Amino acid sequence: MSLRRYCGMTAAVSLGLCLAFAVGAQDEGAPVQVSASPDMEPAQTTELTDAHGPAVAGDAAAGAGKAAACAACHGADGNSVDPQYPKLAGQSERYIARQLAMYKDGSRQDPVMLGFASILSPQDMRDVGAYFATLKALPGIADDSTTEDGSKFYQVGEKLYRGGDLERGIPACLACHGPSGRGNPGSMYPALAGQHAGYTARKLEAFRDGQAWGKDNNRNTVMVDVAATLTNAEIQSLASYIEGLHDAAEVAAQ
């Protein structure tokens, strides 16, 4: 046997003995100590109540029965006769449900509406909203009397609704409420077309005075900013224009 081959065999045996010793040492050593992670603090939870329960898309048929009490103020067909009460016909389901929820939790205050909304579940609110969404809002008539400068009374409001006032930072109303005033159901911007001018004017005045609905991140301050610089004359003209606003094709079909 050559010296080179003998040295190679010796080195291999020595390496094998070293590995075996190392493995044996690990087997005979103390077991690995594992420390458990400390328990995490339990997550904060809120008990669900009827005011926060689940709700699916509203059922208009079910909502018809639930909305029976609304007829006294808002009309059997959702078109109120008394201008102190808003027309609800054609309003979007989610918008009505949201307003009812705010009446119930007090973030939109009205003693009369609190009494009605307090007994409604979230599903009731969606059903009532779905029912009114199926009804047709009757168009009103804008005041087209001639003013001192020769223009029509509603035209100041028409200009604000359609174009806003860039210098004062007032956006066009149609940007949120639509060219024909039908609103934006997805964003829960309400339908305005045909609404009583007196009701609209009172709400615009309240917004101008800083009144906002909702709480925290759900607080609607958009209209507070929009109405902040409106004059009394502009509010009256805008409210009149909105009352006469309608979709010509829809009116022709009625």
Protein backbone atom coordinates (compact mmCIF):
# COMPACT_ATOMS: atom_id res chain seq x y z
CA MET A 1 0.00 0.00 0.00
CA SER A 2 1.36 3.41 -0.93
CA LEU A 3 2.03 6.06 1.65
CA ARG A 4 -0.44 8.45 -0.07
CA ARG A 5 -3.27 5.90 0.07
CA TYR A 6 -2.50 5.04 3.69
CA CYS A 7 -2.58 8.71 4.76
CA GLY A 8 -5.86 9.21 2.94
CA MET A 9 -7.48 6.29 4.71
CA THR A 10 -6.23 7.49 8.06
CA ALA A 11 -7.65 10.97 7.52
CA ALA A 12 -11.05 9.56 6.52
CA VAL A 13 -11.22 7.35 9.62
CA SER A 14 -10.25 10.28 11.83
CA LEU A 15 -12.94 12.52 10.29
CA GLY A 16 -15.56 9.80 10.77
CA LEU A 17 -14.63 9.39 14.44
CA CYS A 18 -14.87 13.15 14.97
CA LEU A 19 -18.36 13.32 13.45
CA ALA A 20 -19.54 10.34 15.45
CA PHE A 21 -18.21 11.93 18.63
CA ALA A 22 -19.97 15.19 17.84
CA VAL A 23 -23.29 13.44 17.25
CA GLY A 24 -22.87 11.42 20.39
CA ALA A 25 -22.14 14.58 22.35
CA GLN A 26 -25.38 16.19 21.11
CA ASP A 27 -27.40 13.08 21.97
CA GLU A 28 -26.03 12.96 25.49
CA GLY A 29 -26.31 16.69 26.18
CA ALA A 30 -29.14 18.48 28.06
CA PRO A 31 -32.41 18.93 26.12
CA VAL A 32 -32.99 22.29 24.41
CA GLN A 33 -34.99 24.68 26.57
CA VAL A 34 -37.94 26.36 24.79
CA SER A 35 -39.63 29.37 26.38
CA ALA A 36 -43.29 29.98 25.56
CA SER A 37 -44.23 33.43 24.28
CA PRO A 38 -46.17 35.53 26.78
CA ASP A 39 -49.94 35.56 26.31
CA MET A 40 -51.23 38.48 24.23
CA GLU A 41 -53.77 40.87 25.65
CA PRO A 42 -57.29 39.86 24.59
CA ALA A 43 -58.78 41.89 21.75
CA GLN A 44 -61.30 44.53 22.69
CA THR A 45 -64.80 43.57 21.66
CA THR A 46 -68.14 45.33 21.55
CA GLU A 47 -71.35 43.47 22.15
CA LEU A 48 -73.63 43.69 19.14
CA THR A 49 -77.10 45.09 19.73
CA ASP A 50 -80.11 45.60 17.51
CA ALA A 51 -78.65 48.97 16.51
CA HIS A 52 -75.55 47.29 15.07
CA GLY A 53 -76.95 44.00 13.82
CA PRO A 54 -76.59 42.58 10.33
CA ALA A 55 -78.70 43.88 7.48
CA VAL A 56 -78.99 42.84 3.86
CA ALA A 57 -80.45 44.67 0.88
CA GLY A 58 -83.91 45.96 1.69
CA ASP A 59 -87.16 44.27 0.75
CA ALA A 60 -89.59 46.86 -0.63
CA ALA A 61 -92.63 44.65 -0.02
CA ALA A 62 -91.71 44.21 3.62
CA GLY A 63 -90.90 47.90 3.86
CA ALA A 64 -94.36 48.92 2.69
CA GLY A 65 -95.91 47.61 5.89
CA LYS A 66 -93.15 48.99 8.09
CA ALA A 67 -93.50 52.44 6.51
CA ALA A 68 -97.24 52.71 7.16
CA ALA A 69 -96.69 55.10 10.07
CA CYS A 70 -94.58 57.38 7.85
CA ALA A 71 -97.60 58.26 5.71
CA ALA A 72 -99.03 60.65 8.31
CA CYS A 73 -96.23 63.16 7.67
CA HIS A 74 -94.55 62.06 4.43
CA GLY A 75 -97.64 61.09 2.44
CA ALA A 76 -99.03 57.71 1.46
CA ASP A 77 -97.03 57.85 -1.76
CA GLY A 78 -93.96 59.45 -0.17
CA ASN A 79 -94.91 62.92 -1.42
CA SER A 80 -95.71 65.00 1.62
CA VAL A 81 -98.34 67.73 1.35
CA ASP A 82 -97.05 69.80 4.25
CA PRO A 83 -93.73 71.43 3.21
CA GLN A 84 -92.31 71.14 6.72
CA TYR A 85 -91.96 67.40 6.06
CA PRO A 86 -89.67 66.25 3.25
CA LYS A 87 -90.73 64.16 0.30
CA LEU A 88 -89.21 60.68 0.58
CA ALA A 89 -90.44 59.19 -2.69
CA GLY A 90 -87.54 58.26 -4.94
CA GLN A 91 -84.96 58.67 -2.20
CA SER A 92 -82.27 55.98 -2.18
CA GLU A 93 -82.54 52.99 0.16
CA ARG A 94 -79.15 53.42 1.80
CA TYR A 95 -79.59 57.14 2.35
CA ILE A 96 -82.90 56.63 4.18
CA ALA A 97 -81.47 53.75 6.22
CA ARG A 98 -78.49 55.88 7.24
CA GLN A 99 -80.69 58.79 8.33
CA LEU A 100 -82.91 56.48 10.38
CA ALA A 101 -79.85 54.99 12.08
CA MET A 102 -78.63 58.48 12.98
CA TYR A 103 -82.03 59.43 14.38
CA LYS A 104 -81.90 56.27 16.49
CA ASP A 105 -78.42 56.88 17.94
CA GLY A 106 -79.03 60.61 18.39
CA SER A 107 -76.39 61.85 15.97
CA ARG A 108 -79.19 63.47 13.98
CA GLN A 109 -81.62 64.98 16.42
CA ASP A 110 -85.36 65.16 16.00
CA PRO A 111 -87.70 64.17 18.85
CA VAL A 112 -90.44 62.96 16.51
CA MET A 113 -88.13 60.87 14.31
CA LEU A 114 -86.36 59.47 17.36
CA GLY A 115 -89.64 57.94 18.49
CA PHE A 116 -90.19 56.21 15.15
CA ALA A 117 -86.58 55.15 14.55
CA SER A 118 -85.93 53.82 18.06
CA ILE A 119 -88.02 50.69 17.43
CA LEU A 120 -86.48 49.88 14.06
CA SER A 121 -83.75 47.31 13.49
CA PRO A 122 -81.10 47.89 10.81
CA GLN A 123 -83.02 45.51 8.54
CA ASP A 124 -86.23 47.45 9.13
CA MET A 125 -84.42 50.61 8.07
CA ARG A 126 -83.17 49.01 4.85
CA ASP A 127 -86.66 47.68 4.09
CA VAL A 128 -88.29 51.08 4.66
CA GLY A 129 -85.64 52.70 2.48
CA ALA A 130 -86.19 50.13 -0.28
CA TYR A 131 -89.91 50.86 -0.24
CA PHE A 132 -89.55 54.63 -0.64
CA ALA A 133 -86.93 54.10 -3.35
CA THR A 134 -89.61 52.43 -5.50
CA LEU A 135 -91.95 55.44 -5.31
CA LYS A 136 -91.92 58.38 -7.72
CA ALA A 137 -91.26 61.90 -6.51
CA LEU A 138 -93.78 64.35 -7.89
CA PRO A 139 -92.13 67.38 -9.52
CA GLY A 140 -92.67 70.82 -8.06
CA ILE A 141 -92.64 74.24 -9.67
CA ALA A 142 -89.79 76.73 -9.42
CA ASP A 143 -90.56 80.40 -8.84
CA ASP A 144 -90.09 82.04 -12.23
CA SER A 145 -91.27 85.49 -11.20
CA THR A 146 -89.21 88.41 -12.52
CA THR A 147 -86.84 90.13 -10.09
CA GLU A 148 -85.72 93.77 -10.07
CA ASP A 149 -82.77 93.08 -12.37
CA GLY A 150 -85.02 91.39 -14.92
CA SER A 151 -83.93 87.82 -14.25
CA LYS A 152 -86.08 84.94 -13.06
CA PHE A 153 -86.14 84.30 -9.31
CA TYR A 154 -84.80 80.75 -9.63
CA GLN A 155 -81.90 81.64 -11.95
CA VAL A 156 -79.43 82.57 -9.20
CA GLY A 157 -80.02 79.14 -7.71
CA GLU A 158 -79.76 77.48 -11.10
CA LYS A 159 -76.33 79.02 -11.61
CA LEU A 160 -75.13 77.75 -8.23
CA TYR A 161 -76.60 74.29 -8.76
CA ARG A 162 -75.08 73.84 -12.19
CA GLY A 163 -71.82 75.76 -11.89
CA GLY A 164 -71.14 76.63 -8.26
CA ASP A 165 -69.06 79.68 -7.41
CA LEU A 166 -65.34 79.17 -7.95
CA GLU A 167 -64.27 82.39 -6.23
CA ARG A 168 -66.03 81.41 -3.01
CA GLY A 169 -65.09 77.77 -3.23
CA ILE A 170 -68.67 76.58 -3.69
CA PRO A 171 -68.84 73.44 -5.85
CA ALA A 172 -71.68 72.82 -8.26
CA CYS A 173 -74.51 70.97 -6.53
CA LEU A 174 -74.88 68.64 -9.50
CA ALA A 175 -71.42 67.22 -8.79
CA CYS A 176 -72.93 65.21 -5.93
CA HIS A 177 -76.69 65.36 -6.49
CA GLY A 178 -76.71 64.86 -10.25
CA PRO A 179 -77.81 67.05 -13.19
CA SER A 180 -81.48 66.17 -12.66
CA GLY A 181 -81.26 66.01 -8.87
CA ARG A 182 -81.55 62.24 -8.56
CA GLY A 183 -78.60 61.97 -6.17
CA ASN A 184 -75.90 59.32 -5.99
CA PRO A 185 -77.09 56.15 -4.19
CA GLY A 186 -73.61 54.60 -4.07
CA SER A 187 -72.14 57.56 -2.21
CA MET A 188 -75.40 58.13 -0.31
CA TYR A 189 -75.82 61.67 -1.66
CA PRO A 190 -79.57 62.28 -1.47
CA ALA A 191 -81.99 62.94 -4.28
CA LEU A 192 -83.17 66.57 -4.21
CA ALA A 193 -85.40 66.99 -7.27
CA GLY A 194 -88.89 68.17 -6.46
CA GLN A 195 -88.21 68.69 -2.76
CA HIS A 196 -90.28 71.39 -1.05
CA ALA A 197 -88.44 74.70 -1.30
CA GLY A 198 -89.29 75.58 2.29
CA TYR A 199 -87.76 72.35 3.62
CA THR A 200 -84.62 72.70 1.49
CA ALA A 201 -84.16 76.32 2.54
CA ARG A 202 -84.39 75.44 6.25
CA LYS A 203 -81.79 72.72 5.89
CA LEU A 204 -79.41 74.99 3.96
CA GLU A 205 -79.78 77.64 6.66
CA ALA A 206 -79.01 75.03 9.33
CA PHE A 207 -75.93 73.87 7.42
CA ARG A 208 -74.82 77.50 7.10
CA ASP A 209 -75.16 77.82 10.88
CA GLY A 210 -72.81 74.86 11.33
CA GLN A 211 -75.28 72.05 11.94
CA ALA A 212 -73.89 68.70 10.79
CA TRP A 213 -75.27 65.19 11.11
CA GLY A 214 -73.41 62.13 12.34
CA LYS A 215 -70.55 61.45 14.74
CA ASP A 216 -66.76 61.41 14.40
CA ASN A 217 -65.70 60.16 10.95
CA ASN A 218 -69.35 59.68 10.03
CA ARG A 219 -70.06 63.37 10.59
CA ASN A 220 -71.27 65.14 7.47
CA THR A 221 -69.45 68.45 7.35
CA VAL A 222 -69.46 68.75 3.55
CA MET A 223 -72.67 70.74 3.43
CA VAL A 224 -71.54 72.95 6.30
CA ASP A 225 -68.59 74.05 4.16
CA VAL A 226 -70.73 74.39 1.02
CA ALA A 227 -73.41 76.53 2.65
CA ALA A 228 -71.09 78.65 4.79
CA THR A 229 -71.10 81.71 2.50
CA LEU A 230 -74.55 81.45 0.93
CA THR A 231 -76.76 84.51 1.34
CA ASN A 232 -80.43 84.34 2.29
CA ALA A 233 -81.39 85.32 -1.25
CA GLU A 234 -79.18 82.59 -2.75
CA ILE A 235 -80.64 79.96 -0.43
CA GLN A 236 -84.20 80.89 -1.35
CA SER A 237 -83.42 80.91 -5.06
CA LEU A 238 -81.51 77.62 -4.89
CA ALA A 239 -84.31 75.95 -2.92
CA SER A 240 -86.85 77.15 -5.49
CA TYR A 241 -84.76 75.85 -8.41
CA ILE A 242 -84.42 72.45 -6.71
CA GLU A 243 -88.18 72.21 -6.20
CA GLY A 244 -88.74 72.65 -9.93
CA LEU A 245 -85.81 70.42 -10.93
CA HIS A 246 -86.84 67.22 -12.68
CA ASP A 247 -85.97 64.76 -15.42
CA ALA A 248 -88.12 65.73 -18.40
CA ALA A 249 -88.42 62.15 -19.63
CA GLU A 250 -89.61 60.89 -16.24
CA VAL A 251 -92.20 63.65 -15.93
CA ALA A 252 -93.49 63.00 -19.45
CA ALA A 253 -93.98 59.33 -18.57
CA GLN A 254 -96.04 60.10 -15.46
